[in-house]
Amino acid sequence: MNELQTLNALARQVCDHPPRTPERIRAMNRLIRAIEQSGKLWYEASDVYDDAKQKTWFYLVQNLCEAVTAKQPFNPEISSVTTWLNAYLKRRLQDFQMVRQADYRQRVYPTSMPENSNDVSAFNPLEQIAAPPDIPPILDVVKAWVITDTDGILRTLHVPDRPDITAQQLILRRLPPEMSWQAIGEKLNYSWKQLTNFYHHHCRKHLRQFGIHQGWLEK
């Protein structure tokens, strides 16, 4: 069995379990780890890549077995799971680029155009992008845990020299519908690259521990 066949087999195992059960969540995490380790997920050096990839993982969760935001779920008879995901990931990267171009045009040419104008600058790509999907129930549980923070760790853990920028604040901003790292950095007046580094090294650890405690992840 080659690597692509192995990934498709893992995808089938996810769908063997009922939706929202701990068994499916664990199987889904095994699939995501395998895809990450395979090196077959599309990559490009872009500062919006992590945002696009995060949307791709939610797309996978919602549409692998049942079509929630897509017209139909993943079909292994048509393509491999990575080919299916890469097509979505590339579209999201294009969306982010369109939004960035629209924002640039708005900053440089702020004058509004008439509704019937044929000028290309009147085109708003935001209108062509589908609205974000409903937040899955599992995210409601995570959000409640972050906000409650019963042991106080998330609201006391903070980036260097900025006690006002806490792990709690960053995690909440990154839960769907998530803010981009650039937007977070601008809002908090802090380097988005340093925020990303802090999130990966500290916040993710606590998120993973919570997932293990909930039975969603394996130790």
Protein backbone atom coordinates (compact mmCIF):
# COMPACT_ATOMS: atom_id res chain seq x y z
CA MET A 1 0.00 0.00 0.00
CA ASN A 2 1.55 3.31 -1.08
CA GLU A 3 1.33 6.54 0.91
CA LEU A 4 -1.71 7.93 -0.90
CA GLN A 5 -3.57 4.65 -0.41
CA THR A 6 -2.65 4.76 3.27
CA LEU A 7 -4.06 8.28 3.61
CA ASN A 8 -7.29 7.28 1.87
CA ALA A 9 -7.56 4.26 4.17
CA LEU A 10 -7.20 6.56 7.19
CA ALA A 11 -9.92 8.78 5.71
CA ARG A 12 -12.26 5.78 5.45
CA GLN A 13 -11.54 4.90 9.08
CA VAL A 14 -12.67 8.39 10.14
CA CYS A 15 -16.03 7.84 8.45
CA ASP A 16 -16.48 4.45 10.12
CA HIS A 17 -17.34 6.32 13.32
CA PRO A 18 -20.47 8.43 13.98
CA PRO A 19 -20.12 12.24 13.80
CA ARG A 20 -18.90 14.13 16.91
CA THR A 21 -17.87 11.00 18.77
CA PRO A 22 -14.46 10.75 20.50
CA GLU A 23 -13.62 7.85 18.15
CA ARG A 24 -14.15 9.97 15.05
CA ILE A 25 -12.23 12.90 16.52
CA ARG A 26 -9.25 10.68 17.33
CA ALA A 27 -9.36 9.11 13.86
CA MET A 28 -9.56 12.57 12.30
CA ASN A 29 -6.51 13.72 14.24
CA ARG A 30 -4.59 10.63 13.09
CA LEU A 31 -5.49 11.51 9.50
CA ILE A 32 -4.42 15.15 9.90
CA ARG A 33 -1.09 14.14 11.44
CA ALA A 34 -0.49 11.67 8.61
CA ILE A 35 -1.27 14.30 5.98
CA GLU A 36 1.08 16.77 7.67
CA GLN A 37 3.87 14.19 7.84
CA SER A 38 3.37 13.03 4.26
CA GLY A 39 4.56 16.32 2.81
CA LYS A 40 1.85 16.07 0.15
CA LEU A 41 -0.19 19.03 1.36
CA TRP A 42 0.31 22.07 -0.87
CA TYR A 43 2.73 24.61 0.54
CA GLU A 44 3.81 28.06 -0.54
CA ALA A 45 5.82 30.70 1.27
CA SER A 46 3.07 33.16 2.13
CA ASP A 47 2.20 35.07 5.28
CA VAL A 48 -1.43 33.94 4.87
CA TYR A 49 -0.60 30.27 4.40
CA ASP A 50 -1.32 29.28 8.02
CA ASP A 51 -4.72 30.98 7.86
CA ALA A 52 -5.59 29.20 4.63
CA LYS A 53 -4.41 25.87 5.99
CA GLN A 54 -6.50 26.27 9.13
CA LYS A 55 -9.59 26.83 6.99
CA THR A 56 -8.61 23.72 5.03
CA TRP A 57 -8.57 21.58 8.19
CA PHE A 58 -12.07 22.79 9.09
CA TYR A 59 -13.17 21.98 5.56
CA LEU A 60 -11.78 18.48 6.01
CA VAL A 61 -13.59 17.98 9.33
CA GLN A 62 -16.89 19.21 7.96
CA ASN A 63 -16.88 17.57 4.54
CA LEU A 64 -14.82 14.39 4.65
CA CYS A 65 -17.73 12.11 5.54
CA GLU A 66 -20.79 14.35 5.26
CA ALA A 67 -21.23 17.41 3.06
CA VAL A 68 -21.73 20.32 5.47
CA THR A 69 -20.28 23.27 3.55
CA ALA A 70 -19.48 21.50 0.27
CA LYS A 71 -21.83 20.20 -2.41
CA GLN A 72 -20.69 16.64 -1.74
CA PRO A 73 -18.33 14.88 0.67
CA PHE A 74 -14.91 13.53 -0.25
CA ASN A 75 -15.10 10.77 -2.85
CA PRO A 76 -12.05 8.45 -2.88
CA GLU A 77 -13.16 7.14 -6.28
CA ILE A 78 -12.48 10.56 -7.81
CA SER A 79 -9.23 11.64 -6.15
CA SER A 80 -6.90 11.12 -3.23
CA VAL A 81 -7.67 12.99 -0.02
CA THR A 82 -4.61 15.24 -0.48
CA THR A 83 -5.57 16.15 -4.06
CA TRP A 84 -9.05 17.04 -2.78
CA LEU A 85 -7.66 19.17 0.05
CA ASN A 86 -5.01 20.85 -2.10
CA ALA A 87 -7.66 22.08 -4.52
CA TYR A 88 -9.51 23.73 -1.61
CA LEU A 89 -6.32 25.10 -0.02
CA LYS A 90 -5.22 26.75 -3.28
CA ARG A 91 -8.63 28.41 -3.63
CA ARG A 92 -8.42 29.80 -0.11
CA LEU A 93 -4.95 31.21 -0.81
CA GLN A 94 -6.36 32.90 -3.89
CA ASP A 95 -9.22 34.30 -1.79
CA PHE A 96 -6.79 35.81 0.71
CA GLN A 97 -4.80 37.33 -2.13
CA MET A 98 -7.96 38.84 -3.63
CA VAL A 99 -8.93 40.31 -0.28
CA ARG A 100 -5.46 41.77 0.14
CA GLN A 101 -5.60 43.36 -3.32
CA ALA A 102 -9.06 44.76 -2.56
CA ASP A 103 -7.79 46.23 0.71
CA TYR A 104 -4.84 47.79 -1.09
CA ARG A 105 -7.10 49.34 -3.72
CA GLN A 106 -9.36 50.71 -1.01
CA ARG A 107 -6.40 52.32 0.74
CA VAL A 108 -4.95 53.80 -2.47
CA TYR A 109 -8.26 54.62 -4.21
CA PRO A 110 -10.73 55.21 -1.35
CA THR A 111 -13.31 56.99 -3.53
CA SER A 112 -16.38 54.76 -3.94
CA MET A 113 -17.49 53.85 -7.46
CA PRO A 114 -21.06 53.97 -8.83
CA GLU A 115 -22.91 50.65 -8.65
CA ASN A 116 -23.10 50.33 -12.44
CA SER A 117 -19.50 51.25 -13.08
CA ASN A 118 -17.51 48.90 -15.31
CA ASP A 119 -14.26 49.99 -13.69
CA VAL A 120 -12.37 46.96 -12.39
CA SER A 121 -11.67 48.78 -9.12
CA ALA A 122 -15.41 48.64 -8.35
CA PHE A 123 -15.27 44.85 -8.16
CA ASN A 124 -15.44 43.63 -4.58
CA PRO A 125 -13.95 40.12 -4.26
CA LEU A 126 -15.30 39.85 -0.72
CA GLU A 127 -18.73 39.36 -2.24
CA GLN A 128 -17.46 36.34 -4.16
CA ILE A 129 -16.21 34.55 -1.08
CA ALA A 130 -18.60 32.21 0.69
CA ALA A 131 -19.58 33.14 4.22
CA PRO A 132 -17.67 31.20 6.91
CA PRO A 133 -19.37 27.96 7.98
CA ASP A 134 -21.13 27.59 11.32
CA ILE A 135 -18.78 26.80 14.18
CA PRO A 136 -18.82 23.06 14.93
CA PRO A 137 -20.06 22.16 18.45
CA ILE A 138 -16.57 21.04 19.48
CA LEU A 139 -15.40 24.64 19.13
CA ASP A 140 -18.10 25.82 21.50
CA VAL A 141 -16.58 23.51 24.13
CA VAL A 142 -13.08 24.83 23.46
CA LYS A 143 -14.27 28.45 23.60
CA ALA A 144 -16.04 27.87 26.91
CA TRP A 145 -12.86 26.31 28.33
CA VAL A 146 -10.72 29.25 27.20
CA ILE A 147 -13.10 31.88 28.55
CA THR A 148 -13.64 30.09 31.88
CA ASP A 149 -9.92 29.29 32.36
CA THR A 150 -10.61 27.78 35.78
CA ASP A 151 -6.93 27.33 36.69
CA GLY A 152 -5.99 30.84 35.49
CA ILE A 153 -3.11 29.67 33.30
CA LEU A 154 -4.31 31.14 30.02
CA ARG A 155 -4.96 34.63 31.38
CA THR A 156 -1.61 34.83 33.20
CA LEU A 157 0.59 33.37 30.44
CA HIS A 158 1.62 36.29 28.20
CA VAL A 159 4.08 37.33 25.53
CA PRO A 160 7.38 38.85 26.69
CA ASP A 161 7.10 42.42 28.01
CA ARG A 162 3.37 42.59 27.24
CA PRO A 163 1.27 41.18 30.14
CA ASP A 164 -1.83 42.50 28.36
CA ILE A 165 -1.35 40.05 25.47
CA THR A 166 -2.28 36.73 27.04
CA ALA A 167 -2.59 33.19 25.78
CA GLN A 168 -6.30 33.41 26.51
CA GLN A 169 -6.65 36.47 24.28
CA LEU A 170 -4.69 34.94 21.40
CA ILE A 171 -6.53 31.61 21.45
CA LEU A 172 -9.91 33.35 21.42
CA ARG A 173 -8.86 35.50 18.46
CA ARG A 174 -7.71 32.42 16.55
CA LEU A 175 -10.90 30.42 17.06
CA PRO A 176 -13.27 30.56 14.05
CA PRO A 177 -14.16 32.98 12.67
CA GLU A 178 -10.49 33.62 13.28
CA MET A 179 -8.56 36.86 12.81
CA SER A 180 -5.45 36.75 10.67
CA TRP A 181 -2.12 37.08 12.44
CA GLN A 182 -1.49 40.34 10.60
CA ALA A 183 -4.78 41.79 11.86
CA ILE A 184 -4.05 40.64 15.42
CA GLY A 185 -0.59 42.19 15.29
CA GLU A 186 -1.95 45.51 14.06
CA LYS A 187 -4.70 45.56 16.68
CA LEU A 188 -2.34 44.73 19.54
CA ASN A 189 0.58 46.80 18.20
CA TYR A 190 2.93 43.83 18.33
CA SER A 191 4.92 41.84 15.75
CA TRP A 192 2.59 39.24 14.22
CA LYS A 193 5.56 36.93 13.63
CA GLN A 194 6.43 36.98 17.34
CA LEU A 195 2.78 36.41 18.21
CA THR A 196 2.72 33.40 15.88
CA ASN A 197 5.88 32.03 17.49
CA PHE A 198 4.43 32.48 21.00
CA TYR A 199 1.19 30.78 19.95
CA HIS A 200 2.94 27.76 18.46
CA HIS A 201 5.29 27.30 21.41
CA HIS A 202 2.89 27.98 24.29
CA CYS A 203 -0.80 28.16 23.38
CA ARG A 204 -0.86 25.01 21.29
CA LYS A 205 0.58 23.03 24.20
CA HIS A 206 -2.37 23.92 26.42
CA LEU A 207 -4.86 23.33 23.62
CA ARG A 208 -3.41 19.87 23.09
CA GLN A 209 -3.55 19.05 26.81
CA PHE A 210 -7.22 20.06 26.86
CA GLY A 211 -7.90 17.90 23.81
CA ILE A 212 -6.27 14.90 25.50
CA HIS A 213 -8.29 15.53 28.68
CA GLN A 214 -11.48 15.61 26.60
CA GLY A 215 -10.58 12.35 24.90
CA TRP A 216 -10.29 14.03 21.50
CA LEU A 217 -6.54 13.44 21.14
CA GLU A 218 -4.23 10.57 21.94
CA LYS A 219 -1.32 11.08 24.33
